[in-house]
Amino acid sequence: MIPKALCDRLGIGPGDEVEFTLNEGADAVRLEPVRDHPTLRGSLAGLGLVAELEADHRPEARR
């Protein structure tokens, strides 16, 4: 569990993602909130997946 004072200072809330990094040679751990949430929206665009899915379901729709 992360102490409340540290969460408040870093702006970390329940359910937020954090990243832990081991500082080599220092016997210490660095804690950083994960702020960057890249979106996957549109990452599969242009692959023709909708047409393929529709073709797969066409025989079922005819029944």
PDB file of N, CA and C in Angstrom:
ATOM      1  N   MET A   1       0.845  -1.172   0.000  1.00  0.00           N
ATOM      2  CA  MET A   1       0.000   0.000   0.000  1.00  0.00           C
ATOM      3  C   MET A   1       0.895   1.242   0.000  1.00  0.00           C
ATOM      4  N   ILE A   2       0.477   2.228  -0.762  1.00  0.00           N
ATOM      5  CA  ILE A   2       1.228   3.475  -0.853  1.00  0.00           C
ATOM      6  C   ILE A   2       0.655   4.454   0.173  1.00  0.00           C
ATOM      7  N   PRO A   3       1.506   5.066   1.001  1.00  0.00           N
ATOM      8  CA  PRO A   3       1.010   5.998   2.019  1.00  0.00           C
ATOM      9  C   PRO A   3       0.190   7.143   1.410  1.00  0.00           C
ATOM     10  N   LYS A   4      -0.872   7.551   2.108  1.00  0.00           N
ATOM     11  CA  LYS A   4      -1.788   8.579   1.631  1.00  0.00           C
ATOM     12  C   LYS A   4      -1.070   9.892   1.321  1.00  0.00           C
ATOM     13  N   ALA A   5      -0.147  10.301   2.172  1.00  0.00           N
ATOM     14  CA  ALA A   5       0.574  11.564   1.950  1.00  0.00           C
ATOM     15  C   ALA A   5       1.326  11.531   0.615  1.00  0.00           C
ATOM     16  N   LEU A   6       1.905  10.389   0.291  1.00  0.00           N
ATOM     17  CA  LEU A   6       2.630  10.245  -0.972  1.00  0.00           C
ATOM     18  C   LEU A   6       1.659  10.257  -2.152  1.00  0.00           C
ATOM     19  N   CYS A   7       0.539   9.575  -2.002  1.00  0.00           N
ATOM     20  CA  CYS A   7      -0.491   9.580  -3.051  1.00  0.00           C
ATOM     21  C   CYS A   7      -0.997  10.994  -3.304  1.00  0.00           C
ATOM     22  N   ASP A   8      -1.246  11.715  -2.229  1.00  0.00           N
ATOM     23  CA  ASP A   8      -1.727  13.093  -2.367  1.00  0.00           C
ATOM     24  C   ASP A   8      -0.700  13.962  -3.088  1.00  0.00           C
ATOM     25  N   ARG A   9       0.555  13.809  -2.723  1.00  0.00           N
ATOM     26  CA  ARG A   9       1.608  14.623  -3.331  1.00  0.00           C
ATOM     27  C   ARG A   9       1.777  14.318  -4.814  1.00  0.00           C
ATOM     28  N   LEU A  10       1.634  13.037  -5.191  1.00  0.00           N
ATOM     29  CA  LEU A  10       1.806  12.638  -6.591  1.00  0.00           C
ATOM     30  C   LEU A  10       0.507  12.697  -7.394  1.00  0.00           C
ATOM     31  N   GLY A  11      -0.601  12.945  -6.699  1.00  0.00           N
ATOM     32  CA  GLY A  11      -1.881  12.991  -7.394  1.00  0.00           C
ATOM     33  C   GLY A  11      -2.381  11.628  -7.806  1.00  0.00           C
ATOM     34  N   ILE A  12      -2.046  10.619  -7.021  1.00  0.00           N
ATOM     35  CA  ILE A  12      -2.455   9.246  -7.304  1.00  0.00           C
ATOM     36  C   ILE A  12      -3.727   8.938  -6.526  1.00  0.00           C
ATOM     37  N   GLY A  13      -4.692   8.370  -7.220  1.00  0.00           N
ATOM     38  CA  GLY A  13      -5.938   7.995  -6.575  1.00  0.00           C
ATOM     39  C   GLY A  13      -6.182   6.502  -6.719  1.00  0.00           C
ATOM     40  N   PRO A  14      -7.214   6.004  -6.050  1.00  0.00           N
ATOM     41  CA  PRO A  14      -7.550   4.578  -6.154  1.00  0.00           C
ATOM     42  C   PRO A  14      -7.772   4.171  -7.614  1.00  0.00           C
ATOM     43  N   GLY A  15      -7.146   3.094  -8.022  1.00  0.00           N
ATOM     44  CA  GLY A  15      -7.292   2.589  -9.379  1.00  0.00           C
ATOM     45  C   GLY A  15      -6.326   3.185 -10.388  1.00  0.00           C
ATOM     46  N   ASP A  16      -5.574   4.217  -9.994  1.00  0.00           N
ATOM     47  CA  ASP A  16      -4.598   4.816 -10.914  1.00  0.00           C
ATOM     48  C   ASP A  16      -3.427   3.855 -11.110  1.00  0.00           C
ATOM     49  N   GLU A  17      -2.857   3.900 -12.306  1.00  0.00           N
ATOM     50  CA  GLU A  17      -1.692   3.076 -12.595  1.00  0.00           C
ATOM     51  C   GLU A  17      -0.421   3.796 -12.145  1.00  0.00           C
ATOM     52  N   VAL A  18       0.513   3.015 -11.625  1.00  0.00           N
ATOM     53  CA  VAL A  18       1.814   3.546 -11.240  1.00  0.00           C
ATOM     54  C   VAL A  18       2.895   2.643 -11.812  1.00  0.00           C
ATOM     55  N   GLU A  19       4.078   3.191 -11.960  1.00  0.00           N
ATOM     56  CA  GLU A  19       5.207   2.431 -12.472  1.00  0.00           C
ATOM     57  C   GLU A  19       6.313   2.438 -11.425  1.00  0.00           C
ATOM     58  N   PHE A  20       6.824   1.269 -11.127  1.00  0.00           N
ATOM     59  CA  PHE A  20       7.915   1.123 -10.179  1.00  0.00           C
ATOM     60  C   PHE A  20       9.186   0.814 -10.955  1.00  0.00           C
ATOM     61  N   THR A  21      10.268   1.518 -10.623  1.00  0.00           N
ATOM     62  CA  THR A  21      11.559   1.294 -11.257  1.00  0.00           C
ATOM     63  C   THR A  21      12.604   1.119 -10.168  1.00  0.00           C
ATOM     64  N   LEU A  22      13.395   0.057 -10.285  1.00  0.00           N
ATOM     65  CA  LEU A  22      14.464  -0.190  -9.323  1.00  0.00           C
ATOM     66  C   LEU A  22      15.670   0.653  -9.699  1.00  0.00           C
ATOM     67  N   ASN A  23      16.116   1.493  -8.770  1.00  0.00           N
ATOM     68  CA  ASN A  23      17.319   2.303  -8.987  1.00  0.00           C
ATOM     69  C   ASN A  23      18.531   1.442  -8.678  1.00  0.00           C
ATOM     70  N   GLU A  24      19.254   1.083  -9.716  1.00  0.00           N
ATOM     71  CA  GLU A  24      20.404   0.192  -9.571  1.00  0.00           C
ATOM     72  C   GLU A  24      21.450   0.776  -8.625  1.00  0.00           C
ATOM     73  N   GLY A  25      21.942  -0.038  -7.734  1.00  0.00           N
ATOM     74  CA  GLY A  25      23.013   0.355  -6.834  1.00  0.00           C
ATOM     75  C   GLY A  25      22.588   1.260  -5.694  1.00  0.00           C
ATOM     76  N   ALA A  26      21.349   1.651  -5.648  1.00  0.00           N
ATOM     77  CA  ALA A  26      20.914   2.575  -4.604  1.00  0.00           C
ATOM     78  C   ALA A  26      19.964   1.915  -3.601  1.00  0.00           C
ATOM     79  N   ASP A  27      19.617   0.654  -3.837  1.00  0.00           N
ATOM     80  CA  ASP A  27      18.643  -0.035  -2.980  1.00  0.00           C
ATOM     81  C   ASP A  27      17.397   0.835  -2.790  1.00  0.00           C
ATOM     82  N   ALA A  28      16.928   1.419  -3.877  1.00  0.00           N
ATOM     83  CA  ALA A  28      15.772   2.305  -3.824  1.00  0.00           C
ATOM     84  C   ALA A  28      14.845   2.008  -4.994  1.00  0.00           C
ATOM     85  N   VAL A  29      13.601   2.358  -4.799  1.00  0.00           N
ATOM     86  CA  VAL A  29      12.593   2.173  -5.836  1.00  0.00           C
ATOM     87  C   VAL A  29      12.004   3.532  -6.177  1.00  0.00           C
ATOM     88  N   ARG A  30      11.851   3.784  -7.463  1.00  0.00           N
ATOM     89  CA  ARG A  30      11.231   5.028  -7.928  1.00  0.00           C
ATOM     90  C   ARG A  30       9.780   4.714  -8.289  1.00  0.00           C
ATOM     91  N   LEU A  31       8.879   5.558  -7.843  1.00  0.00           N
ATOM     92  CA  LEU A  31       7.450   5.403  -8.089  1.00  0.00           C
ATOM     93  C   LEU A  31       6.958   6.594  -8.890  1.00  0.00           C
ATOM     94  N   GLU A  32       6.330   6.315 -10.034  1.00  0.00           N
ATOM     95  CA  GLU A  32       5.802   7.396 -10.868  1.00  0.00           C
ATOM     96  C   GLU A  32       4.388   7.049 -11.317  1.00  0.00           C
ATOM     97  N   PRO A  33       3.487   8.027 -11.280  1.00  0.00           N
ATOM     98  CA  PRO A  33       2.156   7.779 -11.821  1.00  0.00           C
ATOM     99  C   PRO A  33       2.231   7.678 -13.341  1.00  0.00           C
ATOM    100  N   VAL A  34       1.434   6.797 -13.899  1.00  0.00           N
ATOM    101  CA  VAL A  34       1.363   6.657 -15.351  1.00  0.00           C
ATOM    102  C   VAL A  34       0.321   7.659 -15.829  1.00  0.00           C
ATOM    103  N   ARG A  35       0.778   8.682 -16.520  1.00  0.00           N
ATOM    104  CA  ARG A  35      -0.116   9.764 -16.969  1.00  0.00           C
ATOM    105  C   ARG A  35      -0.525   9.610 -18.427  1.00  0.00           C
ATOM    106  N   ASP A  36       0.319   8.973 -19.205  1.00  0.00           N
ATOM    107  CA  ASP A  36       0.075   8.882 -20.632  1.00  0.00           C
ATOM    108  C   ASP A  36      -0.762   7.640 -20.924  1.00  0.00           C
ATOM    109  N   HIS A  37      -1.977   7.844 -21.380  1.00  0.00           N
ATOM    110  CA  HIS A  37      -2.856   6.731 -21.738  1.00  0.00           C
ATOM    111  C   HIS A  37      -3.104   6.766 -23.244  1.00  0.00           C
ATOM    112  N   PRO A  38      -2.212   6.158 -24.005  1.00  0.00           N
ATOM    113  CA  PRO A  38      -2.409   6.177 -25.448  1.00  0.00           C
ATOM    114  C   PRO A  38      -3.682   5.425 -25.822  1.00  0.00           C
ATOM    115  N   THR A  39      -4.389   5.938 -26.798  1.00  0.00           N
ATOM    116  CA  THR A  39      -5.622   5.306 -27.227  1.00  0.00           C
ATOM    117  C   THR A  39      -5.341   4.327 -28.366  1.00  0.00           C
ATOM    118  N   LEU A  40      -6.113   3.284 -28.403  1.00  0.00           N
ATOM    119  CA  LEU A  40      -5.999   2.320 -29.487  1.00  0.00           C
ATOM    120  C   LEU A  40      -7.012   2.611 -30.591  1.00  0.00           C
ATOM    121  N   ARG A  41      -7.829   3.631 -30.383  1.00  0.00           N
ATOM    122  CA  ARG A  41      -8.863   3.982 -31.353  1.00  0.00           C
ATOM    123  C   ARG A  41      -8.235   4.226 -32.729  1.00  0.00           C
ATOM    124  N   GLY A  42      -8.736   3.517 -33.712  1.00  0.00           N
ATOM    125  CA  GLY A  42      -8.271   3.675 -35.079  1.00  0.00           C
ATOM    126  C   GLY A  42      -7.024   2.879 -35.422  1.00  0.00           C
ATOM    127  N   SER A  43      -6.467   2.157 -34.474  1.00  0.00           N
ATOM    128  CA  SER A  43      -5.219   1.445 -34.747  1.00  0.00           C
ATOM    129  C   SER A  43      -5.408   0.259 -35.691  1.00  0.00           C
ATOM    130  N   LEU A  44      -6.655  -0.212 -35.848  1.00  0.00           N
ATOM    131  CA  LEU A  44      -6.916  -1.331 -36.752  1.00  0.00           C
ATOM    132  C   LEU A  44      -7.626  -0.879 -38.029  1.00  0.00           C
ATOM    133  N   ALA A  45      -7.761   0.414 -38.197  1.00  0.00           N
ATOM    134  CA  ALA A  45      -8.447   0.960 -39.375  1.00  0.00           C
ATOM    135  C   ALA A  45      -7.697   0.567 -40.643  1.00  0.00           C
ATOM    136  N   GLY A  46      -8.459   0.287 -41.680  1.00  0.00           N
ATOM    137  CA  GLY A  46      -7.864  -0.023 -42.973  1.00  0.00           C
ATOM    138  C   GLY A  46      -7.471  -1.473 -43.151  1.00  0.00           C
ATOM    139  N   LEU A  47      -7.737  -2.304 -42.160  1.00  0.00           N
ATOM    140  CA  LEU A  47      -7.368  -3.715 -42.274  1.00  0.00           C
ATOM    141  C   LEU A  47      -8.490  -4.568 -42.870  1.00  0.00           C
ATOM    142  N   GLY A  48      -9.658  -3.967 -43.113  1.00  0.00           N
ATOM    143  CA  GLY A  48     -10.772  -4.704 -43.711  1.00  0.00           C
ATOM    144  C   GLY A  48     -11.438  -5.684 -42.773  1.00  0.00           C
ATOM    145  N   LEU A  49     -11.307  -5.466 -41.493  1.00  0.00           N
ATOM    146  CA  LEU A  49     -11.853  -6.407 -40.519  1.00  0.00           C
ATOM    147  C   LEU A  49     -13.377  -6.407 -40.493  1.00  0.00           C
ATOM    148  N   VAL A  50     -14.001  -5.265 -40.716  1.00  0.00           N
ATOM    149  CA  VAL A  50     -15.467  -5.197 -40.714  1.00  0.00           C
ATOM    150  C   VAL A  50     -16.018  -6.010 -41.879  1.00  0.00           C
ATOM    151  N   ALA A  51     -15.454  -5.835 -43.057  1.00  0.00           N
ATOM    152  CA  ALA A  51     -15.909  -6.586 -44.228  1.00  0.00           C
ATOM    153  C   ALA A  51     -15.720  -8.082 -44.015  1.00  0.00           C
ATOM    154  N   GLU A  52     -14.623  -8.472 -43.421  1.00  0.00           N
ATOM    155  CA  GLU A  52     -14.362  -9.883 -43.150  1.00  0.00           C
ATOM    156  C   GLU A  52     -15.368 -10.449 -42.148  1.00  0.00           C
ATOM    157  N   LEU A  53     -15.664  -9.692 -41.122  1.00  0.00           N
ATOM    158  CA  LEU A  53     -16.635 -10.121 -40.130  1.00  0.00           C
ATOM    159  C   LEU A  53     -18.029 -10.246 -40.745  1.00  0.00           C
ATOM    160  N   GLU A  54     -18.409  -9.268 -41.568  1.00  0.00           N
ATOM    161  CA  GLU A  54     -19.711  -9.324 -42.228  1.00  0.00           C
ATOM    162  C   GLU A  54     -19.802 -10.536 -43.152  1.00  0.00           C
ATOM    163  N   ALA A  55     -18.737 -10.838 -43.875  1.00  0.00           N
ATOM    164  CA  ALA A  55     -18.719 -12.002 -44.759  1.00  0.00           C
ATOM    165  C   ALA A  55     -18.840 -13.298 -43.956  1.00  0.00           C
ATOM    166  N   ASP A  56     -18.208 -13.357 -42.816  1.00  0.00           N
ATOM    167  CA  ASP A  56     -18.294 -14.546 -41.956  1.00  0.00           C
ATOM    168  C   ASP A  56     -19.714 -14.760 -41.439  1.00  0.00           C
ATOM    169  N   HIS A  57     -20.442 -13.688 -41.191  1.00  0.00           N
ATOM    170  CA  HIS A  57     -21.775 -13.797 -40.603  1.00  0.00           C
ATOM    171  C   HIS A  57     -22.894 -13.848 -41.648  1.00  0.00           C
ATOM    172  N   ARG A  58     -22.568 -13.591 -42.899  1.00  0.00           N
ATOM    173  CA  ARG A  58     -23.585 -13.595 -43.952  1.00  0.00           C
ATOM    174  C   ARG A  58     -24.337 -14.930 -44.019  1.00  0.00           C
ATOM    175  N   PRO A  59     -23.653 -16.101 -43.990  1.00  0.00           N
ATOM    176  CA  PRO A  59     -24.393 -17.366 -44.024  1.00  0.00           C
ATOM    177  C   PRO A  59     -25.349 -17.523 -42.833  1.00  0.00           C
ATOM    178  N   GLU A  60     -24.977 -17.057 -41.682  1.00  0.00           N
ATOM    179  CA  GLU A  60     -25.849 -17.146 -40.506  1.00  0.00           C
ATOM    180  C   GLU A  60     -27.093 -16.280 -40.676  1.00  0.00           C
ATOM    181  N   ALA A  61     -26.939 -15.123 -41.300  1.00  0.00           N
ATOM    182  CA  ALA A  61     -28.062 -14.210 -41.485  1.00  0.00           C
ATOM    183  C   ALA A  61     -29.061 -14.772 -42.492  1.00  0.00           C
ATOM    184  N   ARG A  62     -28.620 -15.601 -43.403  1.00  0.00           N
ATOM    185  CA  ARG A  62     -29.508 -16.170 -44.416  1.00  0.00           C
ATOM    186  C   ARG A  62     -30.403 -17.263 -43.862  1.00  0.00           C
ATOM    187  N   ARG A  63     -30.050 -17.830 -42.731  1.00  0.00           N
ATOM    188  CA  ARG A  63     -30.842 -18.933 -42.154  1.00  0.00           C
ATOM    189  C   ARG A  63     -32.124 -18.455 -41.589  1.00  0.00           C
TER     190      ARG A  63
END
